[in-house]
Amino acid sequence: MREVLISVVVLTLLVGCGPEPGYEDGRCLEGDTCAWDDLVCGPDGRCHQCGWSDQLCCEGNTCQEGYVCGSDGTCHQCGWNDSLCCEGNACREGHVCGSDGMCHQCGWDGKPCCEDNTCQEGLVCGSNGLCHLCGFADFPCCEGNTCQERYVCGSDGTCHSCGFAAAPCCDGDTCQEGYGCGSDGVCYACGRVGLPCCEENTCLEWHSCGADGTCESCGRLRETCCAEESCKGWLACLNGECANSFKVDPVADASICERAEKGNSDRSQRDWCYWYVAYLRGDAAACERIEWDEMRKKCVEGKDPDDYYVLPTVR
C-alpha cells in the first residue's frame, strides 16, 4: 500500500512541473488566450507557436510577414510563384495575383501583365492581359508609341523599318547615312555619285555636292579636291584637283605613304604610294614595302605605275 502511495505522489509532482499555463505547450489561459502574441491556443487546449510556415495561424487568422492563413488554419508562404497571394492580393515583385488566388510570374513574353499593365523592357501589355514583344518590325509599338532603333511607330500601332530608301523617316525626320528625309516623310537615297545631295548639300565621304545638286566623287587621283582642299591618303590638292604628291613635290617625304590606307584597289592606298616612290625616285628599296606580290614584282621591274590599274575580280 505504501509503495502505491509513493508512486501517486511522484506522478503528482511530475505533473505539477509541466509547462506554465499561457506559455508554449502550457495550458491555455482563461478565454483561450496565451501569454505572448506569437502563441495561440490550439484545439488541444494548449499554447503553441504561431504565424510561421505550417504553424497555426495567430489571433485574428494572422501570420508573420510573407505568410498567409490558409483554409486549414495554418500559415503558408505567400507571394512567390505558384504560392498563395498575400493579404490584399499582393505578391512579390515580378509576380501578380491571379483569379485563382495564386501568385504567377508576370511581365515576360507570354506571361500576365504586372500591376498597372506593365511589362519588362522591350515588352508591352496587350489587350488580352499578356505581355508581348514590342518595338521591332511588325510588332506592336512599345509604351509611348516608341520602337527600337531603326524602327518607327506607324498609325496602325505597329513598328516599321525606317531610315532607308522608300522607308519612313525615323524619329526626328532622320534617315540612315546615305539617305535623306523627303518632304513626304519618306527616305531617299542620296550622297553618292549621281544621286541628289543630302540635307544641307552634303554627300558621303570623298564625295562633293555639285552645282546641279547631285553628288560627284572627289579626293582621288585626278578628281576635284573635296571640301577644305582634302584628298585621300597620300595625294595632294593642286589647283583644285587631287594629284600625285611626288609629282607636286619631288622631294616629298616618303613617310606620307604610311598615312594612306593599306591596300591597292585605289591609287590613294599605300601599295601605289610606294610604287610611285620607287619609280619617280629610282629607289627600288621602296618596292619591298609593297604587300601585293604581283605589284611588288612590277615595281622591281621598274614599270611605270601610270600604265597599270587594278581590275576588280568578281568571285
C-alpha atoms as a PDB file:
ATOM      1  CA  MET A   1       0.000   0.000   0.000  1.00  0.00           C
ATOM      2  CA  ARG A   2       2.857   2.351   0.866  1.00  0.00           C
ATOM      3  CA  GLU A   3       4.530   1.780  -2.489  1.00  0.00           C
ATOM      4  CA  VAL A   4       1.341   2.770  -4.289  1.00  0.00           C
ATOM      5  CA  LEU A   5       1.056   5.982  -2.331  1.00  0.00           C
ATOM      6  CA  ILE A   6       4.650   6.930  -3.141  1.00  0.00           C
ATOM      7  CA  SER A   7       4.037   6.412  -6.882  1.00  0.00           C
ATOM      8  CA  VAL A   8       0.989   8.644  -6.790  1.00  0.00           C
ATOM      9  CA  VAL A   9       2.932  11.407  -5.049  1.00  0.00           C
ATOM     10  CA  VAL A  10       5.781  11.218  -7.615  1.00  0.00           C
ATOM     11  CA  LEU A  11       3.302  11.369 -10.524  1.00  0.00           C
ATOM     12  CA  THR A  12       1.615  14.370  -8.952  1.00  0.00           C
ATOM     13  CA  LEU A  13       4.964  16.162  -8.608  1.00  0.00           C
ATOM     14  CA  LEU A  14       5.866  15.440 -12.275  1.00  0.00           C
ATOM     15  CA  VAL A  15       2.552  16.822 -13.497  1.00  0.00           C
ATOM     16  CA  GLY A  16       2.996  19.885 -11.355  1.00  0.00           C
ATOM     17  CA  CYS A  17       6.400  20.568 -13.020  1.00  0.00           C
ATOM     18  CA  GLY A  18       4.892  20.791 -16.579  1.00  0.00           C
ATOM     19  CA  PRO A  19       4.935  23.985 -18.756  1.00  0.00           C
ATOM     20  CA  GLU A  20       3.478  27.020 -17.089  1.00  0.00           C
ATOM     21  CA  PRO A  21      -0.047  27.915 -18.271  1.00  0.00           C
ATOM     22  CA  GLY A  22      -0.089  30.538 -21.025  1.00  0.00           C
ATOM     23  CA  TYR A  23       3.389  29.655 -22.284  1.00  0.00           C
ATOM     24  CA  GLU A  24       4.454  27.305 -25.105  1.00  0.00           C
ATOM     25  CA  ASP A  25       2.959  23.839 -24.616  1.00  0.00           C
ATOM     26  CA  GLY A  26       1.264  25.041 -21.415  1.00  0.00           C
ATOM     27  CA  ARG A  27      -2.473  25.072 -20.822  1.00  0.00           C
ATOM     28  CA  CYS A  28      -4.328  27.994 -22.350  1.00  0.00           C
ATOM     29  CA  LEU A  29      -5.333  30.811 -20.023  1.00  0.00           C
ATOM     30  CA  GLU A  30      -8.877  31.869 -19.345  1.00  0.00           C
ATOM     31  CA  GLY A  31     -10.672  32.822 -22.532  1.00  0.00           C
ATOM     32  CA  ASP A  32      -8.433  30.560 -24.642  1.00  0.00           C
ATOM     33  CA  THR A  33      -5.613  33.089 -24.562  1.00  0.00           C
ATOM     34  CA  CYS A  34      -1.840  32.795 -24.218  1.00  0.00           C
ATOM     35  CA  ALA A  35       0.845  34.952 -22.607  1.00  0.00           C
ATOM     36  CA  TRP A  36       2.600  36.090 -25.831  1.00  0.00           C
ATOM     37  CA  ASP A  37       1.472  37.383 -29.243  1.00  0.00           C
ATOM     38  CA  ASP A  38       3.388  34.655 -31.095  1.00  0.00           C
ATOM     39  CA  LEU A  39       1.428  31.942 -29.212  1.00  0.00           C
ATOM     40  CA  VAL A  40      -2.097  30.783 -29.904  1.00  0.00           C
ATOM     41  CA  CYS A  41      -4.463  28.439 -28.086  1.00  0.00           C
ATOM     42  CA  GLY A  42      -4.715  25.267 -30.132  1.00  0.00           C
ATOM     43  CA  PRO A  43      -7.512  22.721 -30.452  1.00  0.00           C
ATOM     44  CA  ASP A  44      -5.796  20.660 -27.716  1.00  0.00           C
ATOM     45  CA  GLY A  45      -6.250  23.474 -25.204  1.00  0.00           C
ATOM     46  CA  ARG A  46      -2.525  24.275 -25.094  1.00  0.00           C
ATOM     47  CA  CYS A  47      -0.486  27.260 -26.322  1.00  0.00           C
ATOM     48  CA  HIS A  48       1.565  26.789 -29.480  1.00  0.00           C
ATOM     49  CA  GLN A  49       3.907  28.992 -31.554  1.00  0.00           C
ATOM     50  CA  CYS A  50       2.061  30.527 -34.486  1.00  0.00           C
ATOM     51  CA  GLY A  51       2.454  32.604 -37.623  1.00  0.00           C
ATOM     52  CA  TRP A  52       5.251  30.808 -39.441  1.00  0.00           C
ATOM     53  CA  SER A  53       5.224  28.142 -42.155  1.00  0.00           C
ATOM     54  CA  ASP A  54       2.969  25.189 -41.294  1.00  0.00           C
ATOM     55  CA  GLN A  55       2.252  26.631 -37.828  1.00  0.00           C
ATOM     56  CA  LEU A  56      -1.189  27.579 -36.533  1.00  0.00           C
ATOM     57  CA  CYS A  57      -2.487  30.979 -37.544  1.00  0.00           C
ATOM     58  CA  CYS A  58      -2.237  33.596 -34.805  1.00  0.00           C
ATOM     59  CA  GLU A  59      -5.156  35.503 -33.307  1.00  0.00           C
ATOM     60  CA  GLY A  60      -7.396  37.010 -35.967  1.00  0.00           C
ATOM     61  CA  ASN A  61      -6.196  34.475 -38.554  1.00  0.00           C
ATOM     62  CA  THR A  62      -2.956  36.405 -38.994  1.00  0.00           C
ATOM     63  CA  CYS A  63       0.553  35.206 -39.873  1.00  0.00           C
ATOM     64  CA  GLN A  64       4.040  36.649 -39.974  1.00  0.00           C
ATOM     65  CA  GLU A  65       5.045  38.826 -42.939  1.00  0.00           C
ATOM     66  CA  GLY A  66       5.429  36.690 -46.066  1.00  0.00           C
ATOM     67  CA  TYR A  67       2.867  34.151 -44.868  1.00  0.00           C
ATOM     68  CA  VAL A  68      -0.913  33.901 -45.142  1.00  0.00           C
ATOM     69  CA  CYS A  69      -3.517  31.993 -43.132  1.00  0.00           C
ATOM     70  CA  GLY A  70      -4.918  29.143 -45.186  1.00  0.00           C
ATOM     71  CA  SER A  71      -8.344  27.489 -45.012  1.00  0.00           C
ATOM     72  CA  ASP A  72      -6.785  24.721 -42.892  1.00  0.00           C
ATOM     73  CA  GLY A  73      -5.980  27.209 -40.118  1.00  0.00           C
ATOM     74  CA  THR A  74      -2.220  27.036 -40.665  1.00  0.00           C
ATOM     75  CA  CYS A  75       0.203  29.573 -42.159  1.00  0.00           C
ATOM     76  CA  HIS A  76       1.596  29.134 -45.659  1.00  0.00           C
ATOM     77  CA  GLN A  77       4.335  31.009 -47.514  1.00  0.00           C
ATOM     78  CA  CYS A  78       2.792  33.532 -49.895  1.00  0.00           C
ATOM     79  CA  GLY A  79       3.690  35.948 -52.663  1.00  0.00           C
ATOM     80  CA  TRP A  80       6.036  33.720 -54.659  1.00  0.00           C
ATOM     81  CA  ASN A  81       5.454  31.928 -57.945  1.00  0.00           C
ATOM     82  CA  ASP A  82       2.634  29.358 -57.671  1.00  0.00           C
ATOM     83  CA  SER A  83       2.089  30.136 -53.967  1.00  0.00           C
ATOM     84  CA  LEU A  84      -0.915  31.794 -52.309  1.00  0.00           C
ATOM     85  CA  CYS A  85      -1.386  35.527 -52.702  1.00  0.00           C
ATOM     86  CA  CYS A  86      -0.606  37.542 -49.575  1.00  0.00           C
ATOM     87  CA  GLU A  87      -3.129  39.803 -47.858  1.00  0.00           C
ATOM     88  CA  GLY A  88      -4.581  42.402 -50.183  1.00  0.00           C
ATOM     89  CA  ASN A  89      -3.942  40.149 -53.206  1.00  0.00           C
ATOM     90  CA  ALA A  90      -0.290  41.130 -53.018  1.00  0.00           C
ATOM     91  CA  CYS A  91       2.652  39.189 -54.494  1.00  0.00           C
ATOM     92  CA  ARG A  92       6.408  39.574 -54.626  1.00  0.00           C
ATOM     93  CA  GLU A  93       7.946  41.860 -57.241  1.00  0.00           C
ATOM     94  CA  GLY A  94       7.704  40.308 -60.701  1.00  0.00           C
ATOM     95  CA  HIS A  95       4.566  38.366 -59.751  1.00  0.00           C
ATOM     96  CA  VAL A  96       0.853  39.112 -59.922  1.00  0.00           C
ATOM     97  CA  CYS A  97      -2.138  37.665 -58.054  1.00  0.00           C
ATOM     98  CA  GLY A  98      -4.340  35.643 -60.389  1.00  0.00           C
ATOM     99  CA  SER A  99      -8.082  34.962 -60.243  1.00  0.00           C
ATOM    100  CA  ASP A 100      -7.221  31.582 -58.659  1.00  0.00           C
ATOM    101  CA  GLY A 101      -5.763  33.354 -55.606  1.00  0.00           C
ATOM    102  CA  MET A 102      -2.251  32.214 -56.534  1.00  0.00           C
ATOM    103  CA  CYS A 103       0.782  34.314 -57.470  1.00  0.00           C
ATOM    104  CA  HIS A 104       2.094  33.939 -61.006  1.00  0.00           C
ATOM    105  CA  GLN A 105       5.231  35.266 -62.714  1.00  0.00           C
ATOM    106  CA  CYS A 106       4.423  38.365 -64.729  1.00  0.00           C
ATOM    107  CA  GLY A 107       5.936  40.856 -67.130  1.00  0.00           C
ATOM    108  CA  TRP A 108       7.673  38.453 -69.516  1.00  0.00           C
ATOM    109  CA  ASP A 109       6.700  37.407 -73.032  1.00  0.00           C
ATOM    110  CA  GLY A 110       3.507  35.357 -72.892  1.00  0.00           C
ATOM    111  CA  LYS A 111       3.124  35.978 -69.133  1.00  0.00           C
ATOM    112  CA  PRO A 112       0.381  38.066 -67.457  1.00  0.00           C
ATOM    113  CA  CYS A 113       0.975  41.806 -67.268  1.00  0.00           C
ATOM    114  CA  CYS A 114       2.146  43.077 -63.886  1.00  0.00           C
ATOM    115  CA  GLU A 115       0.344  45.717 -61.828  1.00  0.00           C
ATOM    116  CA  ASP A 116      -0.710  48.838 -63.757  1.00  0.00           C
ATOM    117  CA  ASN A 117      -0.488  46.800 -67.001  1.00  0.00           C
ATOM    118  CA  THR A 118       3.305  46.948 -67.035  1.00  0.00           C
ATOM    119  CA  CYS A 119       5.813  44.533 -68.585  1.00  0.00           C
ATOM    120  CA  GLN A 120       9.581  44.131 -68.720  1.00  0.00           C
ATOM    121  CA  GLU A 121      11.586  46.428 -71.004  1.00  0.00           C
ATOM    122  CA  GLY A 122      11.029  45.587 -74.661  1.00  0.00           C
ATOM    123  CA  LEU A 123       7.569  44.159 -73.947  1.00  0.00           C
ATOM    124  CA  VAL A 124       4.118  45.703 -73.973  1.00  0.00           C
ATOM    125  CA  CYS A 125       0.858  44.717 -72.264  1.00  0.00           C
ATOM    126  CA  GLY A 126      -1.642  43.513 -74.862  1.00  0.00           C
ATOM    127  CA  SER A 127      -5.419  43.719 -74.822  1.00  0.00           C
ATOM    128  CA  ASN A 128      -5.507  40.063 -73.697  1.00  0.00           C
ATOM    129  CA  GLY A 129      -3.690  40.957 -70.466  1.00  0.00           C
ATOM    130  CA  LEU A 130      -0.484  39.221 -71.545  1.00  0.00           C
ATOM    131  CA  CYS A 131       2.934  40.723 -72.279  1.00  0.00           C
ATOM    132  CA  HIS A 132       4.192  40.692 -75.861  1.00  0.00           C
ATOM    133  CA  LEU A 133       7.448  41.627 -77.594  1.00  0.00           C
ATOM    134  CA  CYS A 134       7.364  45.149 -78.983  1.00  0.00           C
ATOM    135  CA  GLY A 135       9.450  47.637 -80.864  1.00  0.00           C
ATOM    136  CA  PHE A 136      10.617  45.558 -83.828  1.00  0.00           C
ATOM    137  CA  ALA A 137       9.290  45.288 -87.380  1.00  0.00           C
ATOM    138  CA  ASP A 138       5.644  44.199 -87.468  1.00  0.00           C
ATOM    139  CA  PHE A 139       5.492  44.044 -83.645  1.00  0.00           C
ATOM    140  CA  PRO A 140       3.332  46.368 -81.532  1.00  0.00           C
ATOM    141  CA  CYS A 141       4.806  49.721 -80.603  1.00  0.00           C
ATOM    142  CA  CYS A 142       6.151  49.966 -77.065  1.00  0.00           C
ATOM    143  CA  GLU A 143       4.859  52.401 -74.453  1.00  0.00           C
ATOM    144  CA  GLY A 144       4.769  55.981 -75.630  1.00  0.00           C
ATOM    145  CA  ASN A 145       4.484  54.817 -79.272  1.00  0.00           C
ATOM    146  CA  THR A 146       8.197  54.061 -79.329  1.00  0.00           C
ATOM    147  CA  CYS A 147      10.133  51.415 -81.248  1.00  0.00           C
ATOM    148  CA  GLN A 148      13.649  50.020 -81.237  1.00  0.00           C
ATOM    149  CA  GLU A 149      16.401  51.864 -83.093  1.00  0.00           C
ATOM    150  CA  ARG A 150      15.829  51.945 -86.868  1.00  0.00           C
ATOM    151  CA  TYR A 151      12.095  51.388 -86.441  1.00  0.00           C
ATOM    152  CA  VAL A 152       9.235  53.872 -86.238  1.00  0.00           C
ATOM    153  CA  CYS A 153       5.708  53.531 -84.836  1.00  0.00           C
ATOM    154  CA  GLY A 154       3.095  53.644 -87.584  1.00  0.00           C
ATOM    155  CA  SER A 155      -0.514  54.816 -87.447  1.00  0.00           C
ATOM    156  CA  ASP A 156      -1.559  51.153 -87.173  1.00  0.00           C
ATOM    157  CA  GLY A 157       0.197  50.860 -83.808  1.00  0.00           C
ATOM    158  CA  THR A 158       2.940  48.569 -85.130  1.00  0.00           C
ATOM    159  CA  CYS A 159       6.624  49.244 -85.738  1.00  0.00           C
ATOM    160  CA  HIS A 160       8.033  49.585 -89.243  1.00  0.00           C
ATOM    161  CA  SER A 161      11.579  49.691 -90.573  1.00  0.00           C
ATOM    162  CA  CYS A 162      12.749  53.258 -91.130  1.00  0.00           C
ATOM    163  CA  GLY A 163      15.647  55.268 -92.427  1.00  0.00           C
ATOM    164  CA  PHE A 164      16.336  53.532 -95.729  1.00  0.00           C
ATOM    165  CA  ALA A 165      15.211  54.194 -99.300  1.00  0.00           C
ATOM    166  CA  ALA A 166      11.395  54.187 -99.693  1.00  0.00           C
ATOM    167  CA  ALA A 167      11.006  53.584 -95.927  1.00  0.00           C
ATOM    168  CA  PRO A 168       9.517  56.119 -93.487  1.00  0.00           C
ATOM    169  CA  CYS A 169      11.878  58.634 -91.909  1.00  0.00           C
ATOM    170  CA  CYS A 170      12.885  57.762 -88.356  1.00  0.00           C
ATOM    171  CA  ASP A 171      12.103  59.921 -85.322  1.00  0.00           C
ATOM    172  CA  GLY A 172      13.248  63.483 -85.749  1.00  0.00           C
ATOM    173  CA  ASP A 173      12.918  63.229 -89.552  1.00  0.00           C
ATOM    174  CA  THR A 174      16.221  61.401 -89.744  1.00  0.00           C
ATOM    175  CA  CYS A 175      17.447  58.639 -92.060  1.00  0.00           C
ATOM    176  CA  GLN A 176      20.437  56.309 -92.122  1.00  0.00           C
ATOM    177  CA  GLU A 177      23.748  57.523 -93.565  1.00  0.00           C
ATOM    178  CA  GLY A 178      23.433  57.887 -97.302  1.00  0.00           C
ATOM    179  CA  TYR A 179      19.722  58.694 -97.158  1.00  0.00           C
ATOM    180  CA  GLY A 180      17.782  61.934 -96.735  1.00  0.00           C
ATOM    181  CA  CYS A 181      14.314  62.587 -95.364  1.00  0.00           C
ATOM    182  CA  GLY A 182      11.952  63.900 -98.026  1.00  0.00           C
ATOM    183  CA  SER A 183       9.072  66.329 -97.546  1.00  0.00           C
ATOM    184  CA  ASP A 184       6.712  63.344 -97.789  1.00  0.00           C
ATOM    185  CA  GLY A 185       8.280  61.749 -94.712  1.00  0.00           C
ATOM    186  CA  VAL A 186       9.966  59.038 -96.789  1.00  0.00           C
ATOM    187  CA  CYS A 187      13.726  58.453 -97.044  1.00  0.00           C
ATOM    188  CA  TYR A 188      15.504  58.708-100.373  1.00  0.00           C
ATOM    189  CA  ALA A 189      18.995  57.595-101.414  1.00  0.00           C
ATOM    190  CA  CYS A 190      21.499  60.433-101.546  1.00  0.00           C
ATOM    191  CA  GLY A 191      25.128  61.334-101.129  1.00  0.00           C
ATOM    192  CA  ARG A 192      26.697  59.029-103.727  1.00  0.00           C
ATOM    193  CA  VAL A 193      27.836  59.666-107.287  1.00  0.00           C
ATOM    194  CA  GLY A 194      24.893  60.700-109.463  1.00  0.00           C
ATOM    195  CA  LEU A 195      22.472  60.861-106.514  1.00  0.00           C
ATOM    196  CA  PRO A 196      20.993  64.012-105.006  1.00  0.00           C
ATOM    197  CA  CYS A 197      22.964  65.780-102.332  1.00  0.00           C
ATOM    198  CA  CYS A 198      21.679  65.053 -98.848  1.00  0.00           C
ATOM    199  CA  GLU A 199      20.393  67.678 -96.433  1.00  0.00           C
ATOM    200  CA  GLU A 200      22.451  70.864 -96.225  1.00  0.00           C
ATOM    201  CA  ASN A 201      24.095  69.965 -99.561  1.00  0.00           C
ATOM    202  CA  THR A 202      26.149  67.169 -98.045  1.00  0.00           C
ATOM    203  CA  CYS A 203      27.428  63.974 -99.618  1.00  0.00           C
ATOM    204  CA  LEU A 204      29.119  60.853 -98.319  1.00  0.00           C
ATOM    205  CA  GLU A 205      32.825  60.936 -97.510  1.00  0.00           C
ATOM    206  CA  TRP A 206      35.022  61.558-100.559  1.00  0.00           C
ATOM    207  CA  HIS A 207      32.081  62.947-102.484  1.00  0.00           C
ATOM    208  CA  SER A 208      31.185  66.592-103.085  1.00  0.00           C
ATOM    209  CA  CYS A 209      27.945  68.348-103.949  1.00  0.00           C
ATOM    210  CA  GLY A 210      27.976  69.714-107.485  1.00  0.00           C
ATOM    211  CA  ALA A 211      26.309  72.834-108.851  1.00  0.00           C
ATOM    212  CA  ASP A 212      23.463  70.695-110.217  1.00  0.00           C
ATOM    213  CA  GLY A 213      22.615  69.395-106.729  1.00  0.00           C
ATOM    214  CA  THR A 214      23.992  65.905-107.311  1.00  0.00           C
ATOM    215  CA  CYS A 215      26.996  64.254-105.703  1.00  0.00           C
ATOM    216  CA  GLU A 216      30.230  63.567-107.523  1.00  0.00           C
ATOM    217  CA  SER A 217      33.344  61.668-106.494  1.00  0.00           C
ATOM    218  CA  CYS A 218      36.224  63.717-105.111  1.00  0.00           C
ATOM    219  CA  GLY A 219      39.523  63.342-103.343  1.00  0.00           C
ATOM    220  CA  ARG A 220      41.052  60.662-105.535  1.00  0.00           C
ATOM    221  CA  LEU A 221      43.773  60.942-108.175  1.00  0.00           C
ATOM    222  CA  ARG A 222      42.809  63.391-110.924  1.00  0.00           C
ATOM    223  CA  GLU A 223      39.476  64.179-109.225  1.00  0.00           C
ATOM    224  CA  THR A 224      38.428  67.501-107.750  1.00  0.00           C
ATOM    225  CA  CYS A 225      39.603  68.128-104.199  1.00  0.00           C
ATOM    226  CA  CYS A 226      36.971  67.673-101.519  1.00  0.00           C
ATOM    227  CA  ALA A 227      35.893  70.280 -99.027  1.00  0.00           C
ATOM    228  CA  GLU A 228      38.783  72.082 -97.299  1.00  0.00           C
ATOM    229  CA  GLU A 229      41.023  71.014-100.212  1.00  0.00           C
ATOM    230  CA  SER A 230      41.428  67.472 -98.908  1.00  0.00           C
ATOM    231  CA  CYS A 231      42.434  64.393-100.877  1.00  0.00           C
ATOM    232  CA  LYS A 232      42.586  60.731 -99.944  1.00  0.00           C
ATOM    233  CA  GLY A 233      45.613  59.050 -98.434  1.00  0.00           C
ATOM    234  CA  TRP A 234      48.928  60.381 -99.673  1.00  0.00           C
ATOM    235  CA  LEU A 235      47.531  62.537-102.508  1.00  0.00           C
ATOM    236  CA  ALA A 236      47.932  66.337-102.587  1.00  0.00           C
ATOM    237  CA  CYS A 237      45.488  69.033-103.735  1.00  0.00           C
ATOM    238  CA  LEU A 238      46.899  71.017-106.682  1.00  0.00           C
ATOM    239  CA  ASN A 239      44.867  73.713-108.487  1.00  0.00           C
ATOM    240  CA  GLY A 240      41.634  72.205-107.187  1.00  0.00           C
ATOM    241  CA  GLU A 241      42.493  68.690-108.319  1.00  0.00           C
ATOM    242  CA  CYS A 242      43.994  65.742-106.440  1.00  0.00           C
ATOM    243  CA  ALA A 243      47.451  64.922-107.718  1.00  0.00           C
ATOM    244  CA  ASN A 244      50.424  62.663-107.086  1.00  0.00           C
ATOM    245  CA  SER A 245      52.261  64.183-104.110  1.00  0.00           C
ATOM    246  CA  PHE A 246      55.677  63.248-105.515  1.00  0.00           C
ATOM    247  CA  LYS A 247      54.927  64.954-108.831  1.00  0.00           C
ATOM    248  CA  VAL A 248      53.783  68.060-106.953  1.00  0.00           C
ATOM    249  CA  ASP A 249      56.847  67.947-104.685  1.00  0.00           C
ATOM    250  CA  PRO A 250      59.643  65.655-105.962  1.00  0.00           C
ATOM    251  CA  VAL A 251      61.376  65.720-102.559  1.00  0.00           C
ATOM    252  CA  ALA A 252      58.250  64.916-100.529  1.00  0.00           C
ATOM    253  CA  ASP A 253      58.947  62.663 -97.561  1.00  0.00           C
ATOM    254  CA  ALA A 254      58.096  59.042 -98.397  1.00  0.00           C
ATOM    255  CA  SER A 255      56.675  58.673 -94.883  1.00  0.00           C
ATOM    256  CA  ILE A 256      53.420  60.152 -96.203  1.00  0.00           C
ATOM    257  CA  CYS A 257      52.716  56.673 -97.585  1.00  0.00           C
ATOM    258  CA  GLU A 258      52.077  55.482 -94.041  1.00  0.00           C
ATOM    259  CA  ARG A 259      49.088  57.782 -93.638  1.00  0.00           C
ATOM    260  CA  ALA A 260      47.357  56.020 -96.509  1.00  0.00           C
ATOM    261  CA  GLU A 261      45.031  53.088 -96.032  1.00  0.00           C
ATOM    262  CA  LYS A 262      46.543  49.653 -96.592  1.00  0.00           C
ATOM    263  CA  GLY A 263      45.653  48.068 -99.918  1.00  0.00           C
ATOM    264  CA  ASN A 264      45.880  48.634-103.664  1.00  0.00           C
ATOM    265  CA  SER A 265      42.362  48.767-105.094  1.00  0.00           C
ATOM    266  CA  ASP A 266      42.519  52.586-105.160  1.00  0.00           C
ATOM    267  CA  ARG A 267      45.551  54.698-106.164  1.00  0.00           C
ATOM    268  CA  SER A 268      45.232  56.617-102.912  1.00  0.00           C
ATOM    269  CA  GLN A 269      46.205  53.462-100.999  1.00  0.00           C
ATOM    270  CA  ARG A 270      49.608  52.503 -99.616  1.00  0.00           C
ATOM    271  CA  ASP A 271      50.911  49.986-102.197  1.00  0.00           C
ATOM    272  CA  TRP A 272      50.508  52.535-105.008  1.00  0.00           C
ATOM    273  CA  CYS A 273      52.325  55.185-102.970  1.00  0.00           C
ATOM    274  CA  TYR A 274      55.440  53.044-102.552  1.00  0.00           C
ATOM    275  CA  TRP A 275      55.361  52.092-106.221  1.00  0.00           C
ATOM    276  CA  TYR A 276      55.344  55.772-107.201  1.00  0.00           C
ATOM    277  CA  VAL A 277      58.190  56.463-104.734  1.00  0.00           C
ATOM    278  CA  ALA A 278      60.263  53.689-106.288  1.00  0.00           C
ATOM    279  CA  TYR A 279      59.544  54.729-109.895  1.00  0.00           C
ATOM    280  CA  LEU A 280      59.792  58.507-109.601  1.00  0.00           C
ATOM    281  CA  ARG A 281      62.906  58.405-107.423  1.00  0.00           C
ATOM    282  CA  GLY A 282      64.542  55.313-108.837  1.00  0.00           C
ATOM    283  CA  ASP A 283      64.505  53.804-105.347  1.00  0.00           C
ATOM    284  CA  ALA A 284      63.850  50.053-105.758  1.00  0.00           C
ATOM    285  CA  ALA A 285      64.098  49.586-101.981  1.00  0.00           C
ATOM    286  CA  ALA A 286      60.629  51.136-101.661  1.00  0.00           C
ATOM    287  CA  CYS A 287      59.265  48.165-103.629  1.00  0.00           C
ATOM    288  CA  GLU A 288      59.863  45.942-100.612  1.00  0.00           C
ATOM    289  CA  ARG A 289      57.202  47.897 -98.727  1.00  0.00           C
ATOM    290  CA  ILE A 290      54.520  46.777-101.202  1.00  0.00           C
ATOM    291  CA  GLU A 291      52.395  43.961 -99.789  1.00  0.00           C
ATOM    292  CA  TRP A 292      50.817  42.697-103.029  1.00  0.00           C
ATOM    293  CA  ASP A 293      53.275  40.259-104.627  1.00  0.00           C
ATOM    294  CA  GLU A 294      52.178  40.978-108.214  1.00  0.00           C
ATOM    295  CA  MET A 295      52.506  44.737-107.755  1.00  0.00           C
ATOM    296  CA  ARG A 296      55.882  44.350-105.981  1.00  0.00           C
ATOM    297  CA  LYS A 297      57.153  42.368-108.978  1.00  0.00           C
ATOM    298  CA  LYS A 298      56.138  45.141-111.415  1.00  0.00           C
ATOM    299  CA  CYS A 299      57.764  47.703-109.131  1.00  0.00           C
ATOM    300  CA  VAL A 300      61.076  45.814-109.011  1.00  0.00           C
ATOM    301  CA  GLU A 301      60.998  45.574-112.822  1.00  0.00           C
ATOM    302  CA  GLY A 302      60.838  49.383-112.964  1.00  0.00           C
ATOM    303  CA  LYS A 303      57.429  49.547-114.604  1.00  0.00           C
ATOM    304  CA  ASP A 304      55.575  52.890-114.727  1.00  0.00           C
ATOM    305  CA  PRO A 305      52.595  52.663-112.313  1.00  0.00           C
ATOM    306  CA  ASP A 306      50.583  55.037-114.527  1.00  0.00           C
ATOM    307  CA  ASP A 307      50.499  52.258-117.157  1.00  0.00           C
ATOM    308  CA  TYR A 308      48.612  49.899-114.833  1.00  0.00           C
ATOM    309  CA  TYR A 309      45.299  49.694-112.994  1.00  0.00           C
ATOM    310  CA  VAL A 310      43.658  47.120-110.756  1.00  0.00           C
ATOM    311  CA  LEU A 311      40.819  45.187-112.362  1.00  0.00           C
ATOM    312  CA  PRO A 312      38.237  44.090-109.747  1.00  0.00           C
ATOM    313  CA  THR A 313      37.519  40.367-109.774  1.00  0.00           C
ATOM    314  CA  VAL A 314      34.004  39.049-109.112  1.00  0.00           C
ATOM    315  CA  ARG A 315      34.006  35.719-107.295  1.00  0.00           C
END
